């Protein structure tokens, strides 16, 4: 259920908000990888969660970009 709510939230965002969210999610993924490398504290479920979120954001960005181009 959480992913469904998150997806609805992402769909309601504007293109510029999605760009910011993508940047933040990539940073979170990088930080998580660095933390696991440095401290040895491994949380592999976070890696797949972040990667899936990045894919969702990219998909929504491409669909919004194509919608913007069609309206011109």
N, C-alpha and C. Protein backbone atom coordinates (compact mmCIF):
# COMPACT_ATOMS: atom_id res chain seq x y z
N UNK A 1 0.81 -1.20 0.00
CA UNK A 1 0.00 0.00 0.00
C UNK A 1 0.85 1.26 0.00
N UNK A 2 1.99 1.19 0.65
CA UNK A 2 2.82 2.38 0.73
C UNK A 2 3.27 2.83 -0.66
N UNK A 3 3.64 1.88 -1.50
CA UNK A 3 4.11 2.24 -2.83
C UNK A 3 2.99 2.86 -3.67
N UNK A 4 1.76 2.42 -3.45
CA UNK A 4 0.63 2.98 -4.19
C UNK A 4 0.41 4.44 -3.80
N UNK A 5 0.50 4.73 -2.50
CA UNK A 5 0.36 6.12 -2.04
C UNK A 5 1.51 6.97 -2.54
N UNK A 6 2.71 6.39 -2.53
CA UNK A 6 3.88 7.11 -3.01
C UNK A 6 3.76 7.40 -4.51
N UNK A 7 3.24 6.45 -5.26
CA UNK A 7 3.06 6.64 -6.69
C UNK A 7 2.05 7.74 -6.97
N UNK A 8 0.97 7.79 -6.22
CA UNK A 8 -0.01 8.85 -6.39
C UNK A 8 0.60 10.21 -6.07
N UNK A 9 1.44 10.25 -5.04
CA UNK A 9 2.12 11.49 -4.69
C UNK A 9 3.06 11.92 -5.82
N UNK A 10 3.79 10.97 -6.38
CA UNK A 10 4.70 11.29 -7.48
C UNK A 10 3.92 11.77 -8.71
N UNK A 11 2.79 11.15 -8.99
CA UNK A 11 1.98 11.55 -10.15
C UNK A 11 1.45 12.97 -10.01
N UNK A 12 1.20 13.38 -8.79
CA UNK A 12 0.66 14.72 -8.57
C UNK A 12 1.73 15.81 -8.64
N UNK A 13 2.99 15.43 -8.64
CA UNK A 13 4.08 16.41 -8.67
C UNK A 13 4.27 16.99 -10.06
N UNK A 14 4.80 18.20 -10.10
CA UNK A 14 5.13 18.83 -11.37
C UNK A 14 6.47 18.27 -11.86
N UNK A 15 6.82 18.62 -13.08
CA UNK A 15 8.07 18.13 -13.66
C UNK A 15 9.27 18.59 -12.85
N UNK A 16 9.28 19.86 -12.46
CA UNK A 16 10.43 20.39 -11.70
C UNK A 16 10.53 19.73 -10.33
N UNK A 17 9.38 19.41 -9.72
CA UNK A 17 9.40 18.70 -8.44
C UNK A 17 9.94 17.28 -8.61
N UNK A 18 9.61 16.66 -9.73
CA UNK A 18 10.11 15.32 -10.00
C UNK A 18 11.63 15.32 -10.18
N UNK A 19 12.14 16.37 -10.81
CA UNK A 19 13.59 16.49 -10.98
C UNK A 19 14.26 16.59 -9.61
N UNK A 20 13.70 17.39 -8.73
CA UNK A 20 14.25 17.52 -7.37
C UNK A 20 14.17 16.20 -6.62
N UNK A 21 13.04 15.51 -6.75
CA UNK A 21 12.86 14.23 -6.06
C UNK A 21 13.84 13.18 -6.59
N UNK A 22 14.09 13.20 -7.90
CA UNK A 22 15.05 12.27 -8.51
C UNK A 22 16.44 12.54 -7.95
N UNK A 23 16.81 13.79 -7.86
CA UNK A 23 18.12 14.16 -7.33
C UNK A 23 18.26 13.69 -5.88
N UNK A 24 17.23 13.92 -5.08
CA UNK A 24 17.28 13.52 -3.67
C UNK A 24 17.34 12.00 -3.52
N UNK A 25 16.60 11.28 -4.35
CA UNK A 25 16.59 9.82 -4.26
C UNK A 25 17.93 9.24 -4.68
N UNK A 26 18.53 9.81 -5.71
CA UNK A 26 19.87 9.36 -6.13
C UNK A 26 20.88 9.62 -5.02
N UNK A 27 20.75 10.76 -4.36
CA UNK A 27 21.65 11.08 -3.25
C UNK A 27 21.46 10.09 -2.11
N UNK A 28 20.21 9.76 -1.81
CA UNK A 28 19.92 8.78 -0.75
C UNK A 28 20.51 7.41 -1.08
N UNK A 29 20.41 7.00 -2.34
CA UNK A 29 20.97 5.72 -2.77
C UNK A 29 22.49 5.74 -2.61
N UNK A 30 23.12 6.82 -3.04
CA UNK A 30 24.57 6.94 -2.92
C UNK A 30 24.99 6.91 -1.46
N UNK A 31 24.30 7.69 -0.63
CA UNK A 31 24.63 7.73 0.80
C UNK A 31 24.46 6.36 1.45
N UNK A 32 23.43 5.65 1.06
CA UNK A 32 23.19 4.33 1.61
C UNK A 32 24.30 3.36 1.22
N UNK A 33 24.73 3.43 -0.03
CA UNK A 33 25.84 2.58 -0.49
C UNK A 33 27.14 2.92 0.23
N UNK A 34 27.39 4.22 0.39
CA UNK A 34 28.61 4.64 1.08
C UNK A 34 28.58 4.19 2.55
N UNK A 35 27.45 4.34 3.18
CA UNK A 35 27.33 3.94 4.59
C UNK A 35 27.56 2.45 4.76
N UNK A 36 27.02 1.66 3.83
CA UNK A 36 27.20 0.22 3.94
C UNK A 36 28.65 -0.17 3.69
N UNK A 37 29.34 0.57 2.83
CA UNK A 37 30.74 0.29 2.55
C UNK A 37 31.63 0.67 3.74
N UNK A 38 31.35 1.83 4.31
CA UNK A 38 32.21 2.34 5.39
C UNK A 38 31.96 1.61 6.71
N UNK A 39 30.70 1.48 7.08
CA UNK A 39 30.39 0.91 8.40
C UNK A 39 30.14 -0.58 8.37
N UNK A 40 29.89 -1.12 7.21
CA UNK A 40 29.58 -2.54 7.11
C UNK A 40 28.13 -2.85 7.46
N UNK A 41 27.36 -1.81 7.74
CA UNK A 41 25.94 -1.98 8.07
C UNK A 41 25.17 -2.12 6.76
N UNK A 42 24.80 -3.33 6.44
CA UNK A 42 24.20 -3.61 5.14
C UNK A 42 22.68 -3.70 5.25
N UNK A 43 21.99 -2.90 4.44
CA UNK A 43 20.53 -2.95 4.34
C UNK A 43 20.17 -3.08 2.86
N UNK A 44 20.26 -4.28 2.32
CA UNK A 44 20.08 -4.47 0.88
C UNK A 44 18.68 -4.13 0.38
N UNK A 45 17.68 -4.19 1.25
CA UNK A 45 16.33 -3.87 0.80
C UNK A 45 16.20 -2.40 0.42
N UNK A 46 17.05 -1.54 0.98
CA UNK A 46 17.00 -0.12 0.63
C UNK A 46 17.49 0.12 -0.79
N UNK A 47 18.49 -0.65 -1.23
CA UNK A 47 19.02 -0.46 -2.58
C UNK A 47 17.93 -0.67 -3.62
N UNK A 48 17.22 -1.77 -3.50
CA UNK A 48 16.18 -2.06 -4.49
C UNK A 48 15.03 -1.06 -4.38
N UNK A 49 14.73 -0.61 -3.17
CA UNK A 49 13.66 0.38 -2.99
C UNK A 49 14.02 1.69 -3.68
N UNK A 50 15.24 2.14 -3.48
CA UNK A 50 15.68 3.39 -4.12
C UNK A 50 15.73 3.25 -5.64
N UNK A 51 16.23 2.11 -6.13
CA UNK A 51 16.30 1.92 -7.59
C UNK A 51 14.91 1.90 -8.22
N UNK A 52 13.96 1.27 -7.55
CA UNK A 52 12.59 1.24 -8.07
C UNK A 52 11.97 2.63 -8.06
N UNK A 53 12.24 3.39 -7.02
CA UNK A 53 11.71 4.75 -6.94
C UNK A 53 12.31 5.62 -8.04
N UNK A 54 13.60 5.45 -8.30
CA UNK A 54 14.25 6.21 -9.38
C UNK A 54 13.61 5.85 -10.72
N UNK A 55 13.34 4.59 -10.95
CA UNK A 55 12.71 4.15 -12.20
C UNK A 55 11.31 4.73 -12.34
N UNK A 56 10.55 4.75 -11.25
CA UNK A 56 9.21 5.33 -11.30
C UNK A 56 9.27 6.82 -11.63
N UNK A 57 10.20 7.52 -11.01
CA UNK A 57 10.33 8.96 -11.25
C UNK A 57 10.71 9.22 -12.69
N UNK A 58 11.67 8.46 -13.21
CA UNK A 58 12.10 8.64 -14.60
C UNK A 58 10.95 8.38 -15.56
N UNK A 59 10.15 7.36 -15.28
CA UNK A 59 9.01 7.05 -16.14
C UNK A 59 8.01 8.20 -16.14
N UNK A 60 7.70 8.71 -14.96
CA UNK A 60 6.75 9.82 -14.87
C UNK A 60 7.30 11.08 -15.54
N UNK A 61 8.61 11.30 -15.41
CA UNK A 61 9.22 12.46 -16.06
C UNK A 61 9.11 12.35 -17.58
N UNK A 62 9.35 11.16 -18.11
CA UNK A 62 9.28 11.01 -19.57
C UNK A 62 7.85 11.17 -20.06
N UNK A 63 6.88 10.67 -19.31
CA UNK A 63 5.50 10.81 -19.73
C UNK A 63 5.04 12.27 -19.63
N UNK A 64 5.48 12.98 -18.61
CA UNK A 64 5.12 14.40 -18.50
C UNK A 64 5.81 15.21 -19.59
N UNK A 65 7.05 14.84 -19.93
CA UNK A 65 7.77 15.54 -20.99
C UNK A 65 7.07 15.34 -22.33
N UNK A 66 6.59 14.13 -22.59
CA UNK A 66 5.89 13.88 -23.85
C UNK A 66 4.55 14.59 -23.88
N UNK A 67 3.89 14.70 -22.73
CA UNK A 67 2.63 15.46 -22.65
C UNK A 67 2.87 16.94 -22.93
N UNK A 68 3.96 17.48 -22.43
CA UNK A 68 4.29 18.88 -22.67
C UNK A 68 4.58 19.10 -24.14
N UNK A 69 5.30 18.18 -24.78
CA UNK A 69 5.63 18.32 -26.19
C UNK A 69 4.40 18.19 -27.07
N UNK A 70 3.45 17.36 -26.68
CA UNK A 70 2.23 17.20 -27.48
C UNK A 70 1.34 18.45 -27.40
N UNK A 71 1.39 19.15 -26.30
CA UNK A 71 0.55 20.34 -26.12
C UNK A 71 1.09 21.56 -26.85
N UNK A 72 2.33 21.50 -27.31
CA UNK A 72 2.91 22.66 -28.01
C UNK A 72 2.40 22.77 -29.41
